[in-house]
PDB file of N, CA and C in Angstrom:
ATOM      1  N   MET A   1       0.847  -1.179   0.000  1.00  0.00           N
ATOM      2  CA  MET A   1       0.000   0.000   0.000  1.00  0.00           C
ATOM      3  C   MET A   1       0.893   1.243   0.000  1.00  0.00           C
ATOM      4  N   ARG A   2       0.555   2.196  -0.813  1.00  0.00           N
ATOM      5  CA  ARG A   2       1.348   3.409  -0.940  1.00  0.00           C
ATOM      6  C   ARG A   2       0.865   4.482   0.038  1.00  0.00           C
ATOM      7  N   LYS A   3       1.832   5.144   0.689  1.00  0.00           N
ATOM      8  CA  LYS A   3       1.468   6.192   1.637  1.00  0.00           C
ATOM      9  C   LYS A   3       1.087   7.458   0.892  1.00  0.00           C
ATOM     10  N   ARG A   4       0.125   8.142   1.410  1.00  0.00           N
ATOM     11  CA  ARG A   4      -0.357   9.385   0.820  1.00  0.00           C
ATOM     12  C   ARG A   4       0.476  10.550   1.335  1.00  0.00           C
ATOM     13  N   LYS A   5       0.943  11.402   0.439  1.00  0.00           N
ATOM     14  CA  LYS A   5       1.708  12.568   0.832  1.00  0.00           C
ATOM     15  C   LYS A   5       0.782  13.768   0.934  1.00  0.00           C
ATOM     16  N   LEU A   6       1.036  14.582   1.927  1.00  0.00           N
ATOM     17  CA  LEU A   6       0.252  15.793   2.122  1.00  0.00           C
ATOM     18  C   LEU A   6       1.181  16.997   2.067  1.00  0.00           C
ATOM     19  N   LYS A   7       0.701  18.083   1.521  1.00  0.00           N
ATOM     20  CA  LYS A   7       1.448  19.329   1.508  1.00  0.00           C
ATOM     21  C   LYS A   7       0.683  20.349   2.330  1.00  0.00           C
ATOM     22  N   ILE A   8       1.424  21.079   3.135  1.00  0.00           N
ATOM     23  CA  ILE A   8       0.804  22.159   3.887  1.00  0.00           C
ATOM     24  C   ILE A   8       1.508  23.452   3.503  1.00  0.00           C
ATOM     25  N   PHE A   9       0.784  24.514   3.494  1.00  0.00           N
ATOM     26  CA  PHE A   9       1.319  25.814   3.153  1.00  0.00           C
ATOM     27  C   PHE A   9       1.240  26.693   4.389  1.00  0.00           C
ATOM     28  N   LEU A  10       2.405  27.187   4.818  1.00  0.00           N
ATOM     29  CA  LEU A  10       2.482  27.984   6.030  1.00  0.00           C
ATOM     30  C   LEU A  10       3.015  29.370   5.719  1.00  0.00           C
ATOM     31  N   THR A  11       2.537  30.335   6.469  1.00  0.00           N
ATOM     32  CA  THR A  11       3.103  31.676   6.380  1.00  0.00           C
ATOM     33  C   THR A  11       4.444  31.649   7.114  1.00  0.00           C
ATOM     34  N   PRO A  12       5.296  32.628   6.898  1.00  0.00           N
ATOM     35  CA  PRO A  12       6.576  32.641   7.625  1.00  0.00           C
ATOM     36  C   PRO A  12       6.409  32.609   9.147  1.00  0.00           C
ATOM     37  N   THR A  13       5.382  33.253   9.653  1.00  0.00           N
ATOM     38  CA  THR A  13       5.135  33.238  11.099  1.00  0.00           C
ATOM     39  C   THR A  13       4.755  31.838  11.575  1.00  0.00           C
ATOM     40  N   GLU A  14       3.869  31.179  10.841  1.00  0.00           N
ATOM     41  CA  GLU A  14       3.458  29.826  11.202  1.00  0.00           C
ATOM     42  C   GLU A  14       4.633  28.863  11.108  1.00  0.00           C
ATOM     43  N   ASN A  15       5.461  29.035  10.087  1.00  0.00           N
ATOM     44  CA  ASN A  15       6.636  28.185   9.914  1.00  0.00           C
ATOM     45  C   ASN A  15       7.565  28.327  11.116  1.00  0.00           C
ATOM     46  N   SER A  16       7.759  29.545  11.574  1.00  0.00           N
ATOM     47  CA  SER A  16       8.612  29.793  12.729  1.00  0.00           C
ATOM     48  C   SER A  16       8.050  29.118  13.976  1.00  0.00           C
ATOM     49  N   ILE A  17       6.752  29.175  14.153  1.00  0.00           N
ATOM     50  CA  ILE A  17       6.108  28.553  15.317  1.00  0.00           C
ATOM     51  C   ILE A  17       6.286  27.036  15.282  1.00  0.00           C
ATOM     52  N   VAL A  18       6.146  26.443  14.107  1.00  0.00           N
ATOM     53  CA  VAL A  18       6.319  24.989  13.971  1.00  0.00           C
ATOM     54  C   VAL A  18       7.751  24.597  14.311  1.00  0.00           C
ATOM     55  N   ILE A  19       8.719  25.339  13.804  1.00  0.00           N
ATOM     56  CA  ILE A  19      10.124  25.038  14.084  1.00  0.00           C
ATOM     57  C   ILE A  19      10.422  25.158  15.573  1.00  0.00           C
ATOM     58  N   GLN A  20       9.927  26.211  16.201  1.00  0.00           N
ATOM     59  CA  GLN A  20      10.153  26.393  17.638  1.00  0.00           C
ATOM     60  C   GLN A  20       9.509  25.278  18.449  1.00  0.00           C
ATOM     61  N   SER A  21       8.319  24.850  18.059  1.00  0.00           N
ATOM     62  CA  SER A  21       7.620  23.781  18.781  1.00  0.00           C
ATOM     63  C   SER A  21       8.356  22.453  18.646  1.00  0.00           C
ATOM     64  N   LEU A  22       8.811  22.134  17.429  1.00  0.00           N
ATOM     65  CA  LEU A  22       9.555  20.894  17.223  1.00  0.00           C
ATOM     66  C   LEU A  22      10.873  20.917  17.993  1.00  0.00           C
ATOM     67  N   ASN A  23      11.527  22.060  18.031  1.00  0.00           N
ATOM     68  CA  ASN A  23      12.778  22.172  18.763  1.00  0.00           C
ATOM     69  C   ASN A  23      12.546  22.016  20.270  1.00  0.00           C
ATOM     70  N   HIS A  24      11.444  22.575  20.757  1.00  0.00           N
ATOM     71  CA  HIS A  24      11.102  22.428  22.184  1.00  0.00           C
ATOM     72  C   HIS A  24      10.858  20.948  22.516  1.00  0.00           C
ATOM     73  N   LEU A  25      10.139  20.245  21.645  1.00  0.00           N
ATOM     74  CA  LEU A  25       9.889  18.818  21.856  1.00  0.00           C
ATOM     75  C   LEU A  25      11.192  18.027  21.805  1.00  0.00           C
ATOM     76  N   ARG A  26      12.072  18.377  20.876  1.00  0.00           N
ATOM     77  CA  ARG A  26      13.364  17.702  20.760  1.00  0.00           C
ATOM     78  C   ARG A  26      14.184  17.879  22.039  1.00  0.00           C
ATOM     79  N   ASN A  27      14.208  19.094  22.563  1.00  0.00           N
ATOM     80  CA  ASN A  27      14.943  19.346  23.799  1.00  0.00           C
ATOM     81  C   ASN A  27      14.375  18.550  24.970  1.00  0.00           C
ATOM     82  N   ALA A  28      13.059  18.424  25.022  1.00  0.00           N
ATOM     83  CA  ALA A  28      12.430  17.639  26.093  1.00  0.00           C
ATOM     84  C   ALA A  28      12.824  16.166  25.973  1.00  0.00           C
ATOM     85  N   LEU A  29      12.869  15.643  24.758  1.00  0.00           N
ATOM     86  CA  LEU A  29      13.271  14.250  24.561  1.00  0.00           C
ATOM     87  C   LEU A  29      14.738  14.043  24.931  1.00  0.00           C
ATOM     88  N   LEU A  30      15.571  15.007  24.603  1.00  0.00           N
ATOM     89  CA  LEU A  30      16.988  14.897  24.964  1.00  0.00           C
ATOM     90  C   LEU A  30      17.177  14.896  26.480  1.00  0.00           C
ATOM     91  N   ARG A  31      16.396  15.703  27.197  1.00  0.00           N
ATOM     92  CA  ARG A  31      16.482  15.727  28.662  1.00  0.00           C
ATOM     93  C   ARG A  31      16.106  14.373  29.259  1.00  0.00           C
ATOM     94  N   GLU A  32      15.186  13.661  28.572  1.00  0.00           N
ATOM     95  CA  GLU A  32      14.743  12.353  29.051  1.00  0.00           C
ATOM     96  C   GLU A  32      15.600  11.214  28.494  1.00  0.00           C
ATOM     97  N   ASN A  33      16.667  11.554  27.780  1.00  0.00           N
ATOM     98  CA  ASN A  33      17.562  10.566  27.155  1.00  0.00           C
ATOM     99  C   ASN A  33      16.817   9.630  26.217  1.00  0.00           C
ATOM    100  N   ARG A  34      15.884  10.173  25.444  1.00  0.00           N
ATOM    101  CA  ARG A  34      15.128   9.392  24.465  1.00  0.00           C
ATOM    102  C   ARG A  34      15.642   9.700  23.063  1.00  0.00           C
ATOM    103  N   ASP A  35      15.355   8.814  22.127  1.00  0.00           N
ATOM    104  CA  ASP A  35      15.817   8.943  20.750  1.00  0.00           C
ATOM    105  C   ASP A  35      15.085  10.094  20.045  1.00  0.00           C
ATOM    106  N   THR A  36      15.838  10.900  19.297  1.00  0.00           N
ATOM    107  CA  THR A  36      15.252  12.041  18.593  1.00  0.00           C
ATOM    108  C   THR A  36      15.422  11.921  17.077  1.00  0.00           C
ATOM    109  N   GLY A  37      15.768  10.733  16.573  1.00  0.00           N
ATOM    110  CA  GLY A  37      16.069  10.544  15.156  1.00  0.00           C
ATOM    111  C   GLY A  37      14.955  10.989  14.224  1.00  0.00           C
ATOM    112  N   CYS A  38      13.747  10.521  14.446  1.00  0.00           N
ATOM    113  CA  CYS A  38      12.615  10.876  13.572  1.00  0.00           C
ATOM    114  C   CYS A  38      12.295  12.363  13.671  1.00  0.00           C
ATOM    115  N   LEU A  39      12.377  12.887  14.857  1.00  0.00           N
ATOM    116  CA  LEU A  39      12.093  14.306  15.068  1.00  0.00           C
ATOM    117  C   LEU A  39      13.142  15.176  14.393  1.00  0.00           C
ATOM    118  N   ASP A  40      14.406  14.728  14.420  1.00  0.00           N
ATOM    119  CA  ASP A  40      15.467  15.465  13.745  1.00  0.00           C
ATOM    120  C   ASP A  40      15.203  15.558  12.245  1.00  0.00           C
ATOM    121  N   GLU A  41      14.783  14.436  11.643  1.00  0.00           N
ATOM    122  CA  GLU A  41      14.477  14.419  10.210  1.00  0.00           C
ATOM    123  C   GLU A  41      13.329  15.379   9.880  1.00  0.00           C
ATOM    124  N   LEU A  42      12.289  15.348  10.689  1.00  0.00           N
ATOM    125  CA  LEU A  42      11.146  16.232  10.463  1.00  0.00           C
ATOM    126  C   LEU A  42      11.537  17.691  10.617  1.00  0.00           C
ATOM    127  N   LEU A  43      12.334  17.982  11.612  1.00  0.00           N
ATOM    128  CA  LEU A  43      12.788  19.356  11.847  1.00  0.00           C
ATOM    129  C   LEU A  43      13.608  19.863  10.659  1.00  0.00           C
ATOM    130  N   LEU A  44      14.476  19.027  10.120  1.00  0.00           N
ATOM    131  CA  LEU A  44      15.259  19.422   8.948  1.00  0.00           C
ATOM    132  C   LEU A  44      14.373  19.667   7.733  1.00  0.00           C
ATOM    133  N   LYS A  45      13.356  18.830   7.547  1.00  0.00           N
ATOM    134  CA  LYS A  45      12.449  19.013   6.414  1.00  0.00           C
ATOM    135  C   LYS A  45      11.699  20.336   6.519  1.00  0.00           C
ATOM    136  N   VAL A  46      11.255  20.663   7.712  1.00  0.00           N
ATOM    137  CA  VAL A  46      10.517  21.917   7.907  1.00  0.00           C
ATOM    138  C   VAL A  46      11.440  23.111   7.726  1.00  0.00           C
ATOM    139  N   MET A  47      12.671  23.001   8.228  1.00  0.00           N
ATOM    140  CA  MET A  47      13.608  24.114   8.130  1.00  0.00           C
ATOM    141  C   MET A  47      14.055  24.359   6.685  1.00  0.00           C
ATOM    142  N   CYS A  48      14.157  23.303   5.884  1.00  0.00           N
ATOM    143  CA  CYS A  48      14.637  23.437   4.506  1.00  0.00           C
ATOM    144  C   CYS A  48      13.512  23.666   3.493  1.00  0.00           C
ATOM    145  N   ALA A  49      12.278  23.596   3.948  1.00  0.00           N
ATOM    146  CA  ALA A  49      11.139  23.771   3.037  1.00  0.00           C
ATOM    147  C   ALA A  49      11.050  25.235   2.583  1.00  0.00           C
ATOM    148  N   PRO A  50      10.691  25.432   1.318  1.00  0.00           N
ATOM    149  CA  PRO A  50      10.552  26.816   0.840  1.00  0.00           C
ATOM    150  C   PRO A  50       9.345  27.491   1.506  1.00  0.00           C
ATOM    151  N   VAL A  51       9.499  28.764   1.797  1.00  0.00           N
ATOM    152  CA  VAL A  51       8.433  29.537   2.434  1.00  0.00           C
ATOM    153  C   VAL A  51       7.940  30.561   1.438  1.00  0.00           C
ATOM    154  N   LYS A  52       6.649  30.513   1.155  1.00  0.00           N
ATOM    155  CA  LYS A  52       6.056  31.478   0.241  1.00  0.00           C
ATOM    156  C   LYS A  52       5.429  32.616   1.035  1.00  0.00           C
ATOM    157  N   LYS A  53       5.717  33.810   0.610  1.00  0.00           N
ATOM    158  CA  LYS A  53       5.107  34.961   1.271  1.00  0.00           C
ATOM    159  C   LYS A  53       3.707  35.161   0.679  1.00  0.00           C
ATOM    160  N   MET A  54       2.729  35.255   1.553  1.00  0.00           N
ATOM    161  CA  MET A  54       1.347  35.411   1.099  1.00  0.00           C
ATOM    162  C   MET A  54       0.888  36.831   1.281  1.00  0.00           C
TER     163      MET A  54
END
């Protein structure tokens, strides 16, 4: 079965909020000595995604 891809369009402000939230979650996982591999990949994808000004 093929996974469905979704695209979301964020304003620069929303993009910043998402990055800050993911980073906060990553820091919490690091404090608990838990694996952050999947979260790191997602954070990189969000940070490298193009941002369109609306």
